[in-house]
Amino acid sequence: TVAGPPRFDGSVRLRLALYRASLY
């Protein structure tokens, strides 16, 4: 509703995995 629907393509999923690894 604020920023539009997020897209979860391959690039986004890869960045999520890297950010998750960094945070953990």
PDBML (XML) file of the C-alpha atoms, coordinates in Angstrom:
<?xml version="1.0" encoding="UTF-8" ?>
<PDBx:datablock datablockName="MODEL"
   xmlns:PDBx="http://pdbml.pdb.org/schema/pdbx-v50.xsd"
   xmlns:xsi="http://www.w3.org/2001/XMLSchema-instance"
   xsi:schemaLocation="http://pdbml.pdb.org/schema/pdbx-v50.xsd pdbx-v50.xsd">
   <PDBx:atom_siteCategory>
      <PDBx:atom_site id="1">
         <PDBx:B_iso_or_equiv>0.00</PDBx:B_iso_or_equiv>
         <PDBx:Cartn_x>0.000</PDBx:Cartn_x>
         <PDBx:Cartn_y>0.000</PDBx:Cartn_y>
         <PDBx:Cartn_z>0.000</PDBx:Cartn_z>
         <PDBx:auth_asym_id>A</PDBx:auth_asym_id>
         <PDBx:auth_atom_id>CA</PDBx:auth_atom_id>
         <PDBx:auth_comp_id>THR</PDBx:auth_comp_id>
         <PDBx:auth_seq_id>1</PDBx:auth_seq_id>
         <PDBx:group_PDB>ATOM</PDBx:group_PDB>
         <PDBx:label_alt_id xsi:nil="true" />
         <PDBx:label_asym_id>A</PDBx:label_asym_id>
         <PDBx:label_atom_id>CA</PDBx:label_atom_id>
         <PDBx:label_comp_id>THR</PDBx:label_comp_id>
         <PDBx:label_entity_id>1</PDBx:label_entity_id>
         <PDBx:label_seq_id>1</PDBx:label_seq_id>
         <PDBx:occupancy>1.00</PDBx:occupancy>
         <PDBx:pdbx_PDB_model_num>1</PDBx:pdbx_PDB_model_num>
         <PDBx:type_symbol>C</PDBx:type_symbol>
      </PDBx:atom_site>
      <PDBx:atom_site id="2">
         <PDBx:B_iso_or_equiv>0.00</PDBx:B_iso_or_equiv>
         <PDBx:Cartn_x>2.955</PDBx:Cartn_x>
         <PDBx:Cartn_y>2.340</PDBx:Cartn_y>
         <PDBx:Cartn_z>0.570</PDBx:Cartn_z>
         <PDBx:auth_asym_id>A</PDBx:auth_asym_id>
         <PDBx:auth_atom_id>CA</PDBx:auth_atom_id>
         <PDBx:auth_comp_id>VAL</PDBx:auth_comp_id>
         <PDBx:auth_seq_id>2</PDBx:auth_seq_id>
         <PDBx:group_PDB>ATOM</PDBx:group_PDB>
         <PDBx:label_alt_id xsi:nil="true" />
         <PDBx:label_asym_id>A</PDBx:label_asym_id>
         <PDBx:label_atom_id>CA</PDBx:label_atom_id>
         <PDBx:label_comp_id>VAL</PDBx:label_comp_id>
         <PDBx:label_entity_id>1</PDBx:label_entity_id>
         <PDBx:label_seq_id>2</PDBx:label_seq_id>
         <PDBx:occupancy>1.00</PDBx:occupancy>
         <PDBx:pdbx_PDB_model_num>1</PDBx:pdbx_PDB_model_num>
         <PDBx:type_symbol>C</PDBx:type_symbol>
      </PDBx:atom_site>
      <PDBx:atom_site id="3">
         <PDBx:B_iso_or_equiv>0.00</PDBx:B_iso_or_equiv>
         <PDBx:Cartn_x>5.680</PDBx:Cartn_x>
         <PDBx:Cartn_y>1.255</PDBx:Cartn_y>
         <PDBx:Cartn_z>-1.832</PDBx:Cartn_z>
         <PDBx:auth_asym_id>A</PDBx:auth_asym_id>
         <PDBx:auth_atom_id>CA</PDBx:auth_atom_id>
         <PDBx:auth_comp_id>ALA</PDBx:auth_comp_id>
         <PDBx:auth_seq_id>3</PDBx:auth_seq_id>
         <PDBx:group_PDB>ATOM</PDBx:group_PDB>
         <PDBx:label_alt_id xsi:nil="true" />
         <PDBx:label_asym_id>A</PDBx:label_asym_id>
         <PDBx:label_atom_id>CA</PDBx:label_atom_id>
         <PDBx:label_comp_id>ALA</PDBx:label_comp_id>
         <PDBx:label_entity_id>1</PDBx:label_entity_id>
         <PDBx:label_seq_id>3</PDBx:label_seq_id>
         <PDBx:occupancy>1.00</PDBx:occupancy>
         <PDBx:pdbx_PDB_model_num>1</PDBx:pdbx_PDB_model_num>
         <PDBx:type_symbol>C</PDBx:type_symbol>
      </PDBx:atom_site>
      <PDBx:atom_site id="4">
         <PDBx:B_iso_or_equiv>0.00</PDBx:B_iso_or_equiv>
         <PDBx:Cartn_x>3.936</PDBx:Cartn_x>
         <PDBx:Cartn_y>-1.062</PDBx:Cartn_y>
         <PDBx:Cartn_z>-4.277</PDBx:Cartn_z>
         <PDBx:auth_asym_id>A</PDBx:auth_asym_id>
         <PDBx:auth_atom_id>CA</PDBx:auth_atom_id>
         <PDBx:auth_comp_id>GLY</PDBx:auth_comp_id>
         <PDBx:auth_seq_id>4</PDBx:auth_seq_id>
         <PDBx:group_PDB>ATOM</PDBx:group_PDB>
         <PDBx:label_alt_id xsi:nil="true" />
         <PDBx:label_asym_id>A</PDBx:label_asym_id>
         <PDBx:label_atom_id>CA</PDBx:label_atom_id>
         <PDBx:label_comp_id>GLY</PDBx:label_comp_id>
         <PDBx:label_entity_id>1</PDBx:label_entity_id>
         <PDBx:label_seq_id>4</PDBx:label_seq_id>
         <PDBx:occupancy>1.00</PDBx:occupancy>
         <PDBx:pdbx_PDB_model_num>1</PDBx:pdbx_PDB_model_num>
         <PDBx:type_symbol>C</PDBx:type_symbol>
      </PDBx:atom_site>
      <PDBx:atom_site id="5">
         <PDBx:B_iso_or_equiv>0.00</PDBx:B_iso_or_equiv>
         <PDBx:Cartn_x>4.167</PDBx:Cartn_x>
         <PDBx:Cartn_y>-4.817</PDBx:Cartn_y>
         <PDBx:Cartn_z>-4.237</PDBx:Cartn_z>
         <PDBx:auth_asym_id>A</PDBx:auth_asym_id>
         <PDBx:auth_atom_id>CA</PDBx:auth_atom_id>
         <PDBx:auth_comp_id>PRO</PDBx:auth_comp_id>
         <PDBx:auth_seq_id>5</PDBx:auth_seq_id>
         <PDBx:group_PDB>ATOM</PDBx:group_PDB>
         <PDBx:label_alt_id xsi:nil="true" />
         <PDBx:label_asym_id>A</PDBx:label_asym_id>
         <PDBx:label_atom_id>CA</PDBx:label_atom_id>
         <PDBx:label_comp_id>PRO</PDBx:label_comp_id>
         <PDBx:label_entity_id>1</PDBx:label_entity_id>
         <PDBx:label_seq_id>5</PDBx:label_seq_id>
         <PDBx:occupancy>1.00</PDBx:occupancy>
         <PDBx:pdbx_PDB_model_num>1</PDBx:pdbx_PDB_model_num>
         <PDBx:type_symbol>C</PDBx:type_symbol>
      </PDBx:atom_site>
      <PDBx:atom_site id="6">
         <PDBx:B_iso_or_equiv>0.00</PDBx:B_iso_or_equiv>
         <PDBx:Cartn_x>7.721</PDBx:Cartn_x>
         <PDBx:Cartn_y>-6.073</PDBx:Cartn_y>
         <PDBx:Cartn_z>-3.763</PDBx:Cartn_z>
         <PDBx:auth_asym_id>A</PDBx:auth_asym_id>
         <PDBx:auth_atom_id>CA</PDBx:auth_atom_id>
         <PDBx:auth_comp_id>PRO</PDBx:auth_comp_id>
         <PDBx:auth_seq_id>6</PDBx:auth_seq_id>
         <PDBx:group_PDB>ATOM</PDBx:group_PDB>
         <PDBx:label_alt_id xsi:nil="true" />
         <PDBx:label_asym_id>A</PDBx:label_asym_id>
         <PDBx:label_atom_id>CA</PDBx:label_atom_id>
         <PDBx:label_comp_id>PRO</PDBx:label_comp_id>
         <PDBx:label_entity_id>1</PDBx:label_entity_id>
         <PDBx:label_seq_id>6</PDBx:label_seq_id>
         <PDBx:occupancy>1.00</PDBx:occupancy>
         <PDBx:pdbx_PDB_model_num>1</PDBx:pdbx_PDB_model_num>
         <PDBx:type_symbol>C</PDBx:type_symbol>
      </PDBx:atom_site>
      <PDBx:atom_site id="7">
         <PDBx:B_iso_or_equiv>0.00</PDBx:B_iso_or_equiv>
         <PDBx:Cartn_x>9.071</PDBx:Cartn_x>
         <PDBx:Cartn_y>-8.398</PDBx:Cartn_y>
         <PDBx:Cartn_z>-6.412</PDBx:Cartn_z>
         <PDBx:auth_asym_id>A</PDBx:auth_asym_id>
         <PDBx:auth_atom_id>CA</PDBx:auth_atom_id>
         <PDBx:auth_comp_id>ARG</PDBx:auth_comp_id>
         <PDBx:auth_seq_id>7</PDBx:auth_seq_id>
         <PDBx:group_PDB>ATOM</PDBx:group_PDB>
         <PDBx:label_alt_id xsi:nil="true" />
         <PDBx:label_asym_id>A</PDBx:label_asym_id>
         <PDBx:label_atom_id>CA</PDBx:label_atom_id>
         <PDBx:label_comp_id>ARG</PDBx:label_comp_id>
         <PDBx:label_entity_id>1</PDBx:label_entity_id>
         <PDBx:label_seq_id>7</PDBx:label_seq_id>
         <PDBx:occupancy>1.00</PDBx:occupancy>
         <PDBx:pdbx_PDB_model_num>1</PDBx:pdbx_PDB_model_num>
         <PDBx:type_symbol>C</PDBx:type_symbol>
      </PDBx:atom_site>
      <PDBx:atom_site id="8">
         <PDBx:B_iso_or_equiv>0.00</PDBx:B_iso_or_equiv>
         <PDBx:Cartn_x>11.012</PDBx:Cartn_x>
         <PDBx:Cartn_y>-11.450</PDBx:Cartn_y>
         <PDBx:Cartn_z>-5.336</PDBx:Cartn_z>
         <PDBx:auth_asym_id>A</PDBx:auth_asym_id>
         <PDBx:auth_atom_id>CA</PDBx:auth_atom_id>
         <PDBx:auth_comp_id>PHE</PDBx:auth_comp_id>
         <PDBx:auth_seq_id>8</PDBx:auth_seq_id>
         <PDBx:group_PDB>ATOM</PDBx:group_PDB>
         <PDBx:label_alt_id xsi:nil="true" />
         <PDBx:label_asym_id>A</PDBx:label_asym_id>
         <PDBx:label_atom_id>CA</PDBx:label_atom_id>
         <PDBx:label_comp_id>PHE</PDBx:label_comp_id>
         <PDBx:label_entity_id>1</PDBx:label_entity_id>
         <PDBx:label_seq_id>8</PDBx:label_seq_id>
         <PDBx:occupancy>1.00</PDBx:occupancy>
         <PDBx:pdbx_PDB_model_num>1</PDBx:pdbx_PDB_model_num>
         <PDBx:type_symbol>C</PDBx:type_symbol>
      </PDBx:atom_site>
      <PDBx:atom_site id="9">
         <PDBx:B_iso_or_equiv>0.00</PDBx:B_iso_or_equiv>
         <PDBx:Cartn_x>13.027</PDBx:Cartn_x>
         <PDBx:Cartn_y>-12.337</PDBx:Cartn_y>
         <PDBx:Cartn_z>-8.413</PDBx:Cartn_z>
         <PDBx:auth_asym_id>A</PDBx:auth_asym_id>
         <PDBx:auth_atom_id>CA</PDBx:auth_atom_id>
         <PDBx:auth_comp_id>ASP</PDBx:auth_comp_id>
         <PDBx:auth_seq_id>9</PDBx:auth_seq_id>
         <PDBx:group_PDB>ATOM</PDBx:group_PDB>
         <PDBx:label_alt_id xsi:nil="true" />
         <PDBx:label_asym_id>A</PDBx:label_asym_id>
         <PDBx:label_atom_id>CA</PDBx:label_atom_id>
         <PDBx:label_comp_id>ASP</PDBx:label_comp_id>
         <PDBx:label_entity_id>1</PDBx:label_entity_id>
         <PDBx:label_seq_id>9</PDBx:label_seq_id>
         <PDBx:occupancy>1.00</PDBx:occupancy>
         <PDBx:pdbx_PDB_model_num>1</PDBx:pdbx_PDB_model_num>
         <PDBx:type_symbol>C</PDBx:type_symbol>
      </PDBx:atom_site>
      <PDBx:atom_site id="10">
         <PDBx:B_iso_or_equiv>0.00</PDBx:B_iso_or_equiv>
         <PDBx:Cartn_x>16.369</PDBx:Cartn_x>
         <PDBx:Cartn_y>-14.125</PDBx:Cartn_y>
         <PDBx:Cartn_z>-8.425</PDBx:Cartn_z>
         <PDBx:auth_asym_id>A</PDBx:auth_asym_id>
         <PDBx:auth_atom_id>CA</PDBx:auth_atom_id>
         <PDBx:auth_comp_id>GLY</PDBx:auth_comp_id>
         <PDBx:auth_seq_id>10</PDBx:auth_seq_id>
         <PDBx:group_PDB>ATOM</PDBx:group_PDB>
         <PDBx:label_alt_id xsi:nil="true" />
         <PDBx:label_asym_id>A</PDBx:label_asym_id>
         <PDBx:label_atom_id>CA</PDBx:label_atom_id>
         <PDBx:label_comp_id>GLY</PDBx:label_comp_id>
         <PDBx:label_entity_id>1</PDBx:label_entity_id>
         <PDBx:label_seq_id>10</PDBx:label_seq_id>
         <PDBx:occupancy>1.00</PDBx:occupancy>
         <PDBx:pdbx_PDB_model_num>1</PDBx:pdbx_PDB_model_num>
         <PDBx:type_symbol>C</PDBx:type_symbol>
      </PDBx:atom_site>
      <PDBx:atom_site id="11">
         <PDBx:B_iso_or_equiv>0.00</PDBx:B_iso_or_equiv>
         <PDBx:Cartn_x>18.354</PDBx:Cartn_x>
         <PDBx:Cartn_y>-10.957</PDBx:Cartn_y>
         <PDBx:Cartn_z>-7.716</PDBx:Cartn_z>
         <PDBx:auth_asym_id>A</PDBx:auth_asym_id>
         <PDBx:auth_atom_id>CA</PDBx:auth_atom_id>
         <PDBx:auth_comp_id>SER</PDBx:auth_comp_id>
         <PDBx:auth_seq_id>11</PDBx:auth_seq_id>
         <PDBx:group_PDB>ATOM</PDBx:group_PDB>
         <PDBx:label_alt_id xsi:nil="true" />
         <PDBx:label_asym_id>A</PDBx:label_asym_id>
         <PDBx:label_atom_id>CA</PDBx:label_atom_id>
         <PDBx:label_comp_id>SER</PDBx:label_comp_id>
         <PDBx:label_entity_id>1</PDBx:label_entity_id>
         <PDBx:label_seq_id>11</PDBx:label_seq_id>
         <PDBx:occupancy>1.00</PDBx:occupancy>
         <PDBx:pdbx_PDB_model_num>1</PDBx:pdbx_PDB_model_num>
         <PDBx:type_symbol>C</PDBx:type_symbol>
      </PDBx:atom_site>
      <PDBx:atom_site id="12">
         <PDBx:B_iso_or_equiv>0.00</PDBx:B_iso_or_equiv>
         <PDBx:Cartn_x>16.213</PDBx:Cartn_x>
         <PDBx:Cartn_y>-10.041</PDBx:Cartn_y>
         <PDBx:Cartn_z>-4.713</PDBx:Cartn_z>
         <PDBx:auth_asym_id>A</PDBx:auth_asym_id>
         <PDBx:auth_atom_id>CA</PDBx:auth_atom_id>
         <PDBx:auth_comp_id>VAL</PDBx:auth_comp_id>
         <PDBx:auth_seq_id>12</PDBx:auth_seq_id>
         <PDBx:group_PDB>ATOM</PDBx:group_PDB>
         <PDBx:label_alt_id xsi:nil="true" />
         <PDBx:label_asym_id>A</PDBx:label_asym_id>
         <PDBx:label_atom_id>CA</PDBx:label_atom_id>
         <PDBx:label_comp_id>VAL</PDBx:label_comp_id>
         <PDBx:label_entity_id>1</PDBx:label_entity_id>
         <PDBx:label_seq_id>12</PDBx:label_seq_id>
         <PDBx:occupancy>1.00</PDBx:occupancy>
         <PDBx:pdbx_PDB_model_num>1</PDBx:pdbx_PDB_model_num>
         <PDBx:type_symbol>C</PDBx:type_symbol>
      </PDBx:atom_site>
      <PDBx:atom_site id="13">
         <PDBx:B_iso_or_equiv>0.00</PDBx:B_iso_or_equiv>
         <PDBx:Cartn_x>16.337</PDBx:Cartn_x>
         <PDBx:Cartn_y>-13.573</PDBx:Cartn_y>
         <PDBx:Cartn_z>-3.301</PDBx:Cartn_z>
         <PDBx:auth_asym_id>A</PDBx:auth_asym_id>
         <PDBx:auth_atom_id>CA</PDBx:auth_atom_id>
         <PDBx:auth_comp_id>ARG</PDBx:auth_comp_id>
         <PDBx:auth_seq_id>13</PDBx:auth_seq_id>
         <PDBx:group_PDB>ATOM</PDBx:group_PDB>
         <PDBx:label_alt_id xsi:nil="true" />
         <PDBx:label_asym_id>A</PDBx:label_asym_id>
         <PDBx:label_atom_id>CA</PDBx:label_atom_id>
         <PDBx:label_comp_id>ARG</PDBx:label_comp_id>
         <PDBx:label_entity_id>1</PDBx:label_entity_id>
         <PDBx:label_seq_id>13</PDBx:label_seq_id>
         <PDBx:occupancy>1.00</PDBx:occupancy>
         <PDBx:pdbx_PDB_model_num>1</PDBx:pdbx_PDB_model_num>
         <PDBx:type_symbol>C</PDBx:type_symbol>
      </PDBx:atom_site>
      <PDBx:atom_site id="14">
         <PDBx:B_iso_or_equiv>0.00</PDBx:B_iso_or_equiv>
         <PDBx:Cartn_x>20.126</PDBx:Cartn_x>
         <PDBx:Cartn_y>-13.616</PDBx:Cartn_y>
         <PDBx:Cartn_z>-3.645</PDBx:Cartn_z>
         <PDBx:auth_asym_id>A</PDBx:auth_asym_id>
         <PDBx:auth_atom_id>CA</PDBx:auth_atom_id>
         <PDBx:auth_comp_id>LEU</PDBx:auth_comp_id>
         <PDBx:auth_seq_id>14</PDBx:auth_seq_id>
         <PDBx:group_PDB>ATOM</PDBx:group_PDB>
         <PDBx:label_alt_id xsi:nil="true" />
         <PDBx:label_asym_id>A</PDBx:label_asym_id>
         <PDBx:label_atom_id>CA</PDBx:label_atom_id>
         <PDBx:label_comp_id>LEU</PDBx:label_comp_id>
         <PDBx:label_entity_id>1</PDBx:label_entity_id>
         <PDBx:label_seq_id>14</PDBx:label_seq_id>
         <PDBx:occupancy>1.00</PDBx:occupancy>
         <PDBx:pdbx_PDB_model_num>1</PDBx:pdbx_PDB_model_num>
         <PDBx:type_symbol>C</PDBx:type_symbol>
      </PDBx:atom_site>
      <PDBx:atom_site id="15">
         <PDBx:B_iso_or_equiv>0.00</PDBx:B_iso_or_equiv>
         <PDBx:Cartn_x>20.452</PDBx:Cartn_x>
         <PDBx:Cartn_y>-10.278</PDBx:Cartn_y>
         <PDBx:Cartn_z>-1.854</PDBx:Cartn_z>
         <PDBx:auth_asym_id>A</PDBx:auth_asym_id>
         <PDBx:auth_atom_id>CA</PDBx:auth_atom_id>
         <PDBx:auth_comp_id>ARG</PDBx:auth_comp_id>
         <PDBx:auth_seq_id>15</PDBx:auth_seq_id>
         <PDBx:group_PDB>ATOM</PDBx:group_PDB>
         <PDBx:label_alt_id xsi:nil="true" />
         <PDBx:label_asym_id>A</PDBx:label_asym_id>
         <PDBx:label_atom_id>CA</PDBx:label_atom_id>
         <PDBx:label_comp_id>ARG</PDBx:label_comp_id>
         <PDBx:label_entity_id>1</PDBx:label_entity_id>
         <PDBx:label_seq_id>15</PDBx:label_seq_id>
         <PDBx:occupancy>1.00</PDBx:occupancy>
         <PDBx:pdbx_PDB_model_num>1</PDBx:pdbx_PDB_model_num>
         <PDBx:type_symbol>C</PDBx:type_symbol>
      </PDBx:atom_site>
      <PDBx:atom_site id="16">
         <PDBx:B_iso_or_equiv>0.00</PDBx:B_iso_or_equiv>
         <PDBx:Cartn_x>18.074</PDBx:Cartn_x>
         <PDBx:Cartn_y>-11.504</PDBx:Cartn_y>
         <PDBx:Cartn_z>0.865</PDBx:Cartn_z>
         <PDBx:auth_asym_id>A</PDBx:auth_asym_id>
         <PDBx:auth_atom_id>CA</PDBx:auth_atom_id>
         <PDBx:auth_comp_id>LEU</PDBx:auth_comp_id>
         <PDBx:auth_seq_id>16</PDBx:auth_seq_id>
         <PDBx:group_PDB>ATOM</PDBx:group_PDB>
         <PDBx:label_alt_id xsi:nil="true" />
         <PDBx:label_asym_id>A</PDBx:label_asym_id>
         <PDBx:label_atom_id>CA</PDBx:label_atom_id>
         <PDBx:label_comp_id>LEU</PDBx:label_comp_id>
         <PDBx:label_entity_id>1</PDBx:label_entity_id>
         <PDBx:label_seq_id>16</PDBx:label_seq_id>
         <PDBx:occupancy>1.00</PDBx:occupancy>
         <PDBx:pdbx_PDB_model_num>1</PDBx:pdbx_PDB_model_num>
         <PDBx:type_symbol>C</PDBx:type_symbol>
      </PDBx:atom_site>
      <PDBx:atom_site id="17">
         <PDBx:B_iso_or_equiv>0.00</PDBx:B_iso_or_equiv>
         <PDBx:Cartn_x>20.257</PDBx:Cartn_x>
         <PDBx:Cartn_y>-14.568</PDBx:Cartn_y>
         <PDBx:Cartn_z>1.389</PDBx:Cartn_z>
         <PDBx:auth_asym_id>A</PDBx:auth_asym_id>
         <PDBx:auth_atom_id>CA</PDBx:auth_atom_id>
         <PDBx:auth_comp_id>ALA</PDBx:auth_comp_id>
         <PDBx:auth_seq_id>17</PDBx:auth_seq_id>
         <PDBx:group_PDB>ATOM</PDBx:group_PDB>
         <PDBx:label_alt_id xsi:nil="true" />
         <PDBx:label_asym_id>A</PDBx:label_asym_id>
         <PDBx:label_atom_id>CA</PDBx:label_atom_id>
         <PDBx:label_comp_id>ALA</PDBx:label_comp_id>
         <PDBx:label_entity_id>1</PDBx:label_entity_id>
         <PDBx:label_seq_id>17</PDBx:label_seq_id>
         <PDBx:occupancy>1.00</PDBx:occupancy>
         <PDBx:pdbx_PDB_model_num>1</PDBx:pdbx_PDB_model_num>
         <PDBx:type_symbol>C</PDBx:type_symbol>
      </PDBx:atom_site>
      <PDBx:atom_site id="18">
         <PDBx:B_iso_or_equiv>0.00</PDBx:B_iso_or_equiv>
         <PDBx:Cartn_x>23.423</PDBx:Cartn_x>
         <PDBx:Cartn_y>-12.454</PDBx:Cartn_y>
         <PDBx:Cartn_z>1.592</PDBx:Cartn_z>
         <PDBx:auth_asym_id>A</PDBx:auth_asym_id>
         <PDBx:auth_atom_id>CA</PDBx:auth_atom_id>
         <PDBx:auth_comp_id>LEU</PDBx:auth_comp_id>
         <PDBx:auth_seq_id>18</PDBx:auth_seq_id>
         <PDBx:group_PDB>ATOM</PDBx:group_PDB>
         <PDBx:label_alt_id xsi:nil="true" />
         <PDBx:label_asym_id>A</PDBx:label_asym_id>
         <PDBx:label_atom_id>CA</PDBx:label_atom_id>
         <PDBx:label_comp_id>LEU</PDBx:label_comp_id>
         <PDBx:label_entity_id>1</PDBx:label_entity_id>
         <PDBx:label_seq_id>18</PDBx:label_seq_id>
         <PDBx:occupancy>1.00</PDBx:occupancy>
         <PDBx:pdbx_PDB_model_num>1</PDBx:pdbx_PDB_model_num>
         <PDBx:type_symbol>C</PDBx:type_symbol>
      </PDBx:atom_site>
      <PDBx:atom_site id="19">
         <PDBx:B_iso_or_equiv>0.00</PDBx:B_iso_or_equiv>
         <PDBx:Cartn_x>21.864</PDBx:Cartn_x>
         <PDBx:Cartn_y>-9.918</PDBx:Cartn_y>
         <PDBx:Cartn_z>3.980</PDBx:Cartn_z>
         <PDBx:auth_asym_id>A</PDBx:auth_asym_id>
         <PDBx:auth_atom_id>CA</PDBx:auth_atom_id>
         <PDBx:auth_comp_id>TYR</PDBx:auth_comp_id>
         <PDBx:auth_seq_id>19</PDBx:auth_seq_id>
         <PDBx:group_PDB>ATOM</PDBx:group_PDB>
         <PDBx:label_alt_id xsi:nil="true" />
         <PDBx:label_asym_id>A</PDBx:label_asym_id>
         <PDBx:label_atom_id>CA</PDBx:label_atom_id>
         <PDBx:label_comp_id>TYR</PDBx:label_comp_id>
         <PDBx:label_entity_id>1</PDBx:label_entity_id>
         <PDBx:label_seq_id>19</PDBx:label_seq_id>
         <PDBx:occupancy>1.00</PDBx:occupancy>
         <PDBx:pdbx_PDB_model_num>1</PDBx:pdbx_PDB_model_num>
         <PDBx:type_symbol>C</PDBx:type_symbol>
      </PDBx:atom_site>
      <PDBx:atom_site id="20">
         <PDBx:B_iso_or_equiv>0.00</PDBx:B_iso_or_equiv>
         <PDBx:Cartn_x>20.497</PDBx:Cartn_x>
         <PDBx:Cartn_y>-12.773</PDBx:Cartn_y>
         <PDBx:Cartn_z>6.104</PDBx:Cartn_z>
         <PDBx:auth_asym_id>A</PDBx:auth_asym_id>
         <PDBx:auth_atom_id>CA</PDBx:auth_atom_id>
         <PDBx:auth_comp_id>ARG</PDBx:auth_comp_id>
         <PDBx:auth_seq_id>20</PDBx:auth_seq_id>
         <PDBx:group_PDB>ATOM</PDBx:group_PDB>
         <PDBx:label_alt_id xsi:nil="true" />
         <PDBx:label_asym_id>A</PDBx:label_asym_id>
         <PDBx:label_atom_id>CA</PDBx:label_atom_id>
         <PDBx:label_comp_id>ARG</PDBx:label_comp_id>
         <PDBx:label_entity_id>1</PDBx:label_entity_id>
         <PDBx:label_seq_id>20</PDBx:label_seq_id>
         <PDBx:occupancy>1.00</PDBx:occupancy>
         <PDBx:pdbx_PDB_model_num>1</PDBx:pdbx_PDB_model_num>
         <PDBx:type_symbol>C</PDBx:type_symbol>
      </PDBx:atom_site>
      <PDBx:atom_site id="21">
         <PDBx:B_iso_or_equiv>0.00</PDBx:B_iso_or_equiv>
         <PDBx:Cartn_x>23.939</PDBx:Cartn_x>
         <PDBx:Cartn_y>-14.415</PDBx:Cartn_y>
         <PDBx:Cartn_z>6.274</PDBx:Cartn_z>
         <PDBx:auth_asym_id>A</PDBx:auth_asym_id>
         <PDBx:auth_atom_id>CA</PDBx:auth_atom_id>
         <PDBx:auth_comp_id>ALA</PDBx:auth_comp_id>
         <PDBx:auth_seq_id>21</PDBx:auth_seq_id>
         <PDBx:group_PDB>ATOM</PDBx:group_PDB>
         <PDBx:label_alt_id xsi:nil="true" />
         <PDBx:label_asym_id>A</PDBx:label_asym_id>
         <PDBx:label_atom_id>CA</PDBx:label_atom_id>
         <PDBx:label_comp_id>ALA</PDBx:label_comp_id>
         <PDBx:label_entity_id>1</PDBx:label_entity_id>
         <PDBx:label_seq_id>21</PDBx:label_seq_id>
         <PDBx:occupancy>1.00</PDBx:occupancy>
         <PDBx:pdbx_PDB_model_num>1</PDBx:pdbx_PDB_model_num>
         <PDBx:type_symbol>C</PDBx:type_symbol>
      </PDBx:atom_site>
      <PDBx:atom_site id="22">
         <PDBx:B_iso_or_equiv>0.00</PDBx:B_iso_or_equiv>
         <PDBx:Cartn_x>25.497</PDBx:Cartn_x>
         <PDBx:Cartn_y>-11.092</PDBx:Cartn_y>
         <PDBx:Cartn_z>7.234</PDBx:Cartn_z>
         <PDBx:auth_asym_id>A</PDBx:auth_asym_id>
         <PDBx:auth_atom_id>CA</PDBx:auth_atom_id>
         <PDBx:auth_comp_id>SER</PDBx:auth_comp_id>
         <PDBx:auth_seq_id>22</PDBx:auth_seq_id>
         <PDBx:group_PDB>ATOM</PDBx:group_PDB>
         <PDBx:label_alt_id xsi:nil="true" />
         <PDBx:label_asym_id>A</PDBx:label_asym_id>
         <PDBx:label_atom_id>CA</PDBx:label_atom_id>
         <PDBx:label_comp_id>SER</PDBx:label_comp_id>
         <PDBx:label_entity_id>1</PDBx:label_entity_id>
         <PDBx:label_seq_id>22</PDBx:label_seq_id>
         <PDBx:occupancy>1.00</PDBx:occupancy>
         <PDBx:pdbx_PDB_model_num>1</PDBx:pdbx_PDB_model_num>
         <PDBx:type_symbol>C</PDBx:type_symbol>
      </PDBx:atom_site>
      <PDBx:atom_site id="23">
         <PDBx:B_iso_or_equiv>0.00</PDBx:B_iso_or_equiv>
         <PDBx:Cartn_x>22.955</PDBx:Cartn_x>
         <PDBx:Cartn_y>-10.424</PDBx:Cartn_y>
         <PDBx:Cartn_z>9.987</PDBx:Cartn_z>
         <PDBx:auth_asym_id>A</PDBx:auth_asym_id>
         <PDBx:auth_atom_id>CA</PDBx:auth_atom_id>
         <PDBx:auth_comp_id>LEU</PDBx:auth_comp_id>
         <PDBx:auth_seq_id>23</PDBx:auth_seq_id>
         <PDBx:group_PDB>ATOM</PDBx:group_PDB>
         <PDBx:label_alt_id xsi:nil="true" />
         <PDBx:label_asym_id>A</PDBx:label_asym_id>
         <PDBx:label_atom_id>CA</PDBx:label_atom_id>
         <PDBx:label_comp_id>LEU</PDBx:label_comp_id>
         <PDBx:label_entity_id>1</PDBx:label_entity_id>
         <PDBx:label_seq_id>23</PDBx:label_seq_id>
         <PDBx:occupancy>1.00</PDBx:occupancy>
         <PDBx:pdbx_PDB_model_num>1</PDBx:pdbx_PDB_model_num>
         <PDBx:type_symbol>C</PDBx:type_symbol>
      </PDBx:atom_site>
      <PDBx:atom_site id="24">
         <PDBx:B_iso_or_equiv>0.00</PDBx:B_iso_or_equiv>
         <PDBx:Cartn_x>23.207</PDBx:Cartn_x>
         <PDBx:Cartn_y>-13.949</PDBx:Cartn_y>
         <PDBx:Cartn_z>11.393</PDBx:Cartn_z>
         <PDBx:auth_asym_id>A</PDBx:auth_asym_id>
         <PDBx:auth_atom_id>CA</PDBx:auth_atom_id>
         <PDBx:auth_comp_id>TYR</PDBx:auth_comp_id>
         <PDBx:auth_seq_id>24</PDBx:auth_seq_id>
         <PDBx:group_PDB>ATOM</PDBx:group_PDB>
         <PDBx:label_alt_id xsi:nil="true" />
         <PDBx:label_asym_id>A</PDBx:label_asym_id>
         <PDBx:label_atom_id>CA</PDBx:label_atom_id>
         <PDBx:label_comp_id>TYR</PDBx:label_comp_id>
         <PDBx:label_entity_id>1</PDBx:label_entity_id>
         <PDBx:label_seq_id>24</PDBx:label_seq_id>
         <PDBx:occupancy>1.00</PDBx:occupancy>
         <PDBx:pdbx_PDB_model_num>1</PDBx:pdbx_PDB_model_num>
         <PDBx:type_symbol>C</PDBx:type_symbol>
      </PDBx:atom_site>
   </PDBx:atom_siteCategory>
</PDBx:datablock>
